[in-house]
Every structure is written in structure tokens, then in C-alpha cells.
N, C-alpha and C. Protein backbone atom coordinates (compact mmCIF):
# COMPACT_ATOMS: atom_id res chain seq x y z
N MET A 1 61.63 222.93 138.67
CA MET A 1 60.89 223.96 139.35
C MET A 1 59.93 224.63 138.36
N THR A 2 58.73 224.87 138.78
CA THR A 2 57.76 225.53 137.91
C THR A 2 57.46 226.93 138.44
N PHE A 3 57.14 227.82 137.54
CA PHE A 3 56.85 229.19 137.88
C PHE A 3 55.58 229.62 137.19
N GLU A 4 54.90 230.61 137.76
CA GLU A 4 53.82 231.28 137.06
C GLU A 4 54.45 232.00 135.88
N ALA A 5 53.73 232.12 134.79
CA ALA A 5 54.27 232.80 133.61
C ALA A 5 54.72 234.22 133.95
N SER A 6 53.98 234.89 134.83
CA SER A 6 54.33 236.26 135.18
C SER A 6 55.59 236.35 136.03
N ASP A 7 56.03 235.23 136.58
CA ASP A 7 57.22 235.20 137.42
C ASP A 7 58.33 234.38 136.77
N SER A 8 58.29 234.22 135.47
CA SER A 8 59.31 233.44 134.78
C SER A 8 60.19 234.35 133.93
N TRP A 9 61.47 234.16 134.08
CA TRP A 9 62.47 234.91 133.34
C TRP A 9 63.44 233.93 132.69
N VAL A 10 64.03 234.33 131.58
CA VAL A 10 65.10 233.56 130.93
C VAL A 10 66.24 234.53 130.64
N VAL A 11 67.41 233.98 130.39
CA VAL A 11 68.55 234.80 129.99
C VAL A 11 68.63 234.78 128.47
N TYR A 12 68.74 235.97 127.89
CA TYR A 12 68.79 236.13 126.43
C TYR A 12 70.03 236.91 126.03
N SER A 13 70.67 236.49 124.93
CA SER A 13 71.84 237.18 124.38
C SER A 13 71.70 237.30 122.87
N PRO A 14 71.53 238.52 122.34
CA PRO A 14 71.47 238.69 120.89
C PRO A 14 72.75 238.23 120.19
N ASN A 15 73.91 238.50 120.80
CA ASN A 15 75.16 238.08 120.18
C ASN A 15 75.28 236.56 120.08
N GLU A 16 74.89 235.86 121.13
CA GLU A 16 74.94 234.39 121.08
C GLU A 16 73.99 233.87 120.00
N SER A 17 72.86 234.53 119.84
CA SER A 17 71.92 234.14 118.79
C SER A 17 72.57 234.23 117.42
N ASN A 18 73.26 235.32 117.17
CA ASN A 18 73.92 235.52 115.87
C ASN A 18 75.05 234.54 115.63
N LEU A 19 75.75 234.16 116.69
CA LEU A 19 76.90 233.27 116.55
C LEU A 19 76.56 231.79 116.62
N SER A 20 75.44 231.46 117.22
CA SER A 20 75.14 230.06 117.53
C SER A 20 73.86 229.55 116.90
N ASP A 21 73.55 230.01 115.70
CA ASP A 21 72.37 229.53 114.99
C ASP A 21 71.11 229.63 115.86
N SER A 22 70.87 230.81 116.40
CA SER A 22 69.68 231.14 117.20
C SER A 22 69.67 230.50 118.59
N ALA A 23 70.79 229.97 119.05
CA ALA A 23 70.87 229.46 120.42
C ALA A 23 71.15 230.64 121.33
N ALA A 24 70.11 231.42 121.61
CA ALA A 24 70.25 232.71 122.28
C ALA A 24 69.87 232.69 123.75
N PHE A 25 69.46 231.54 124.26
CA PHE A 25 68.94 231.47 125.63
C PHE A 25 69.83 230.57 126.48
N TRP A 26 69.89 230.87 127.77
CA TRP A 26 70.79 230.15 128.66
C TRP A 26 70.10 228.97 129.34
N SER A 27 70.81 227.84 129.36
CA SER A 27 70.40 226.66 130.12
C SER A 27 71.49 226.38 131.15
N ASN A 28 71.11 226.25 132.41
CA ASN A 28 72.10 225.92 133.43
C ASN A 28 72.74 224.57 133.17
N GLU A 29 72.06 223.71 132.44
CA GLU A 29 72.57 222.37 132.16
C GLU A 29 73.39 222.29 130.88
N PHE A 30 72.96 223.02 129.83
CA PHE A 30 73.57 222.85 128.50
C PHE A 30 74.30 224.07 127.95
N GLY A 31 74.23 225.21 128.61
CA GLY A 31 74.83 226.43 128.05
C GLY A 31 73.83 227.15 127.15
N TRP A 32 74.30 227.71 126.05
CA TRP A 32 73.42 228.46 125.14
C TRP A 32 72.60 227.51 124.29
N VAL A 33 71.28 227.69 124.33
CA VAL A 33 70.33 226.75 123.71
C VAL A 33 69.18 227.52 123.04
N GLN A 34 68.31 226.76 122.40
CA GLN A 34 67.06 227.30 121.85
C GLN A 34 66.10 227.61 123.01
N PHE A 35 65.12 228.44 122.74
CA PHE A 35 64.18 228.91 123.75
C PHE A 35 63.54 227.79 124.56
N ASP A 36 63.13 226.71 123.90
CA ASP A 36 62.39 225.65 124.60
C ASP A 36 63.24 224.90 125.62
N GLN A 37 64.56 225.06 125.59
CA GLN A 37 65.44 224.40 126.55
C GLN A 37 65.97 225.34 127.63
N ALA A 38 65.59 226.61 127.56
CA ALA A 38 66.14 227.62 128.47
C ALA A 38 65.72 227.36 129.91
N THR A 39 66.63 227.63 130.82
CA THR A 39 66.32 227.58 132.25
C THR A 39 65.44 228.77 132.59
N ARG A 40 64.40 228.52 133.35
CA ARG A 40 63.53 229.61 133.82
C ARG A 40 63.97 230.02 135.22
N PHE A 41 63.96 231.32 135.44
CA PHE A 41 64.36 231.89 136.72
C PHE A 41 63.18 232.66 137.31
N SER A 42 63.12 232.72 138.62
CA SER A 42 62.09 233.51 139.30
C SER A 42 62.55 234.97 139.37
N THR A 43 61.62 235.85 139.67
CA THR A 43 61.98 237.26 139.85
C THR A 43 63.04 237.41 140.94
N ALA A 44 62.88 236.69 142.04
CA ALA A 44 63.86 236.76 143.13
C ALA A 44 65.25 236.33 142.65
N GLU A 45 65.33 235.30 141.83
CA GLU A 45 66.62 234.86 141.32
C GLU A 45 67.27 235.91 140.43
N THR A 46 66.47 236.62 139.64
CA THR A 46 67.04 237.64 138.75
C THR A 46 67.63 238.80 139.54
N GLN A 47 67.16 238.97 140.76
CA GLN A 47 67.67 240.06 141.59
C GLN A 47 68.96 239.71 142.30
N ARG A 48 69.23 238.42 142.46
CA ARG A 48 70.45 238.03 143.18
C ARG A 48 71.51 237.36 142.30
N LEU A 49 71.14 236.93 141.11
CA LEU A 49 72.08 236.25 140.22
C LEU A 49 72.54 237.17 139.10
N GLN A 50 73.72 236.91 138.59
CA GLN A 50 74.24 237.61 137.42
C GLN A 50 74.02 236.73 136.20
N PRO A 51 73.70 237.30 135.06
CA PRO A 51 73.60 236.48 133.84
C PRO A 51 74.98 235.89 133.51
N PRO A 52 75.00 234.79 132.79
CA PRO A 52 76.28 234.18 132.42
C PRO A 52 77.04 235.08 131.44
N ILE A 53 78.32 234.80 131.30
CA ILE A 53 79.15 235.53 130.35
C ILE A 53 78.70 235.18 128.93
N SER A 54 78.54 236.21 128.12
CA SER A 54 78.18 236.00 126.73
C SER A 54 79.10 236.83 125.85
N THR A 55 79.13 236.51 124.57
CA THR A 55 79.90 237.29 123.62
C THR A 55 79.40 238.73 123.67
N GLY A 56 80.29 239.65 123.84
CA GLY A 56 79.91 241.05 123.94
C GLY A 56 79.28 241.42 125.27
N ARG A 57 79.20 240.47 126.17
CA ARG A 57 78.61 240.69 127.51
C ARG A 57 77.22 241.33 127.44
N ASP A 58 76.41 240.84 126.51
CA ASP A 58 75.08 241.41 126.32
C ASP A 58 73.95 240.57 126.93
N ALA A 59 74.28 239.49 127.62
CA ALA A 59 73.24 238.63 128.20
C ALA A 59 72.45 239.41 129.26
N ARG A 60 71.14 239.19 129.24
CA ARG A 60 70.27 239.88 130.20
C ARG A 60 69.05 239.02 130.48
N PHE A 61 68.45 239.25 131.64
CA PHE A 61 67.21 238.57 131.98
C PHE A 61 66.06 239.26 131.25
N VAL A 62 65.20 238.46 130.64
CA VAL A 62 63.98 238.97 130.01
C VAL A 62 62.82 238.10 130.48
N ARG A 63 61.66 238.70 130.58
CA ARG A 63 60.48 237.92 130.98
C ARG A 63 60.23 236.81 129.96
N TRP A 64 59.86 235.65 130.46
CA TRP A 64 59.62 234.49 129.60
C TRP A 64 58.61 234.82 128.50
N GLN A 65 57.54 235.50 128.85
CA GLN A 65 56.52 235.83 127.85
C GLN A 65 57.07 236.74 126.77
N GLU A 66 57.92 237.68 127.12
CA GLU A 66 58.51 238.60 126.15
C GLU A 66 59.59 237.92 125.31
N ALA A 67 60.28 236.96 125.90
CA ALA A 67 61.39 236.30 125.22
C ALA A 67 60.94 235.54 123.97
N GLN A 68 59.70 235.14 123.93
CA GLN A 68 59.20 234.40 122.78
C GLN A 68 59.32 235.20 121.49
N GLN A 69 59.33 236.53 121.58
CA GLN A 69 59.46 237.35 120.39
C GLN A 69 60.84 237.23 119.74
N TYR A 70 61.82 236.75 120.50
CA TYR A 70 63.17 236.61 119.99
C TYR A 70 63.40 235.26 119.31
N CYS A 71 62.40 234.42 119.32
CA CYS A 71 62.53 233.11 118.69
C CYS A 71 62.34 233.25 117.19
N ALA A 72 63.22 232.60 116.46
CA ALA A 72 63.12 232.66 114.99
C ALA A 72 62.10 231.68 114.48
């Protein structure tokens, strides 16, 4: 599924990043991964879905464009 950049969200977890060698983003297929493998979600999906369980329960949806700042 493709999204407009303004309607793309990813799940980010700072704790997973620290524990998993920067694998801070969620993939529905692979679990915690690097940014380029992250599953993108629409705005509508972020309103009805819960982020996955993460260490410290800190996972949250962030806009795809903003998430790039968290990449090492």
C-alpha cells in the first residue's frame, strides 16, 4: 500500500532503538527494524490501531517525515 508522505506514519520506540542496534521502527512482517523496512500506516489506521508492545511501552506513531530524524 502506498501513501502520500503527509499521510504516512510509522511506529517508533526509543527503547527498542537503544536495545536493538537502532532497530527502532515497527514492521508488521519482521518486528523491530531499521527505518527503511518500517510499515507505513495511514492517519486513519493510527486512530484505530494500538502501537505494538515495546520495552518500556514507549512505542508511538510518528509522521514518516519526522521519523527520519531518529535514524542514526
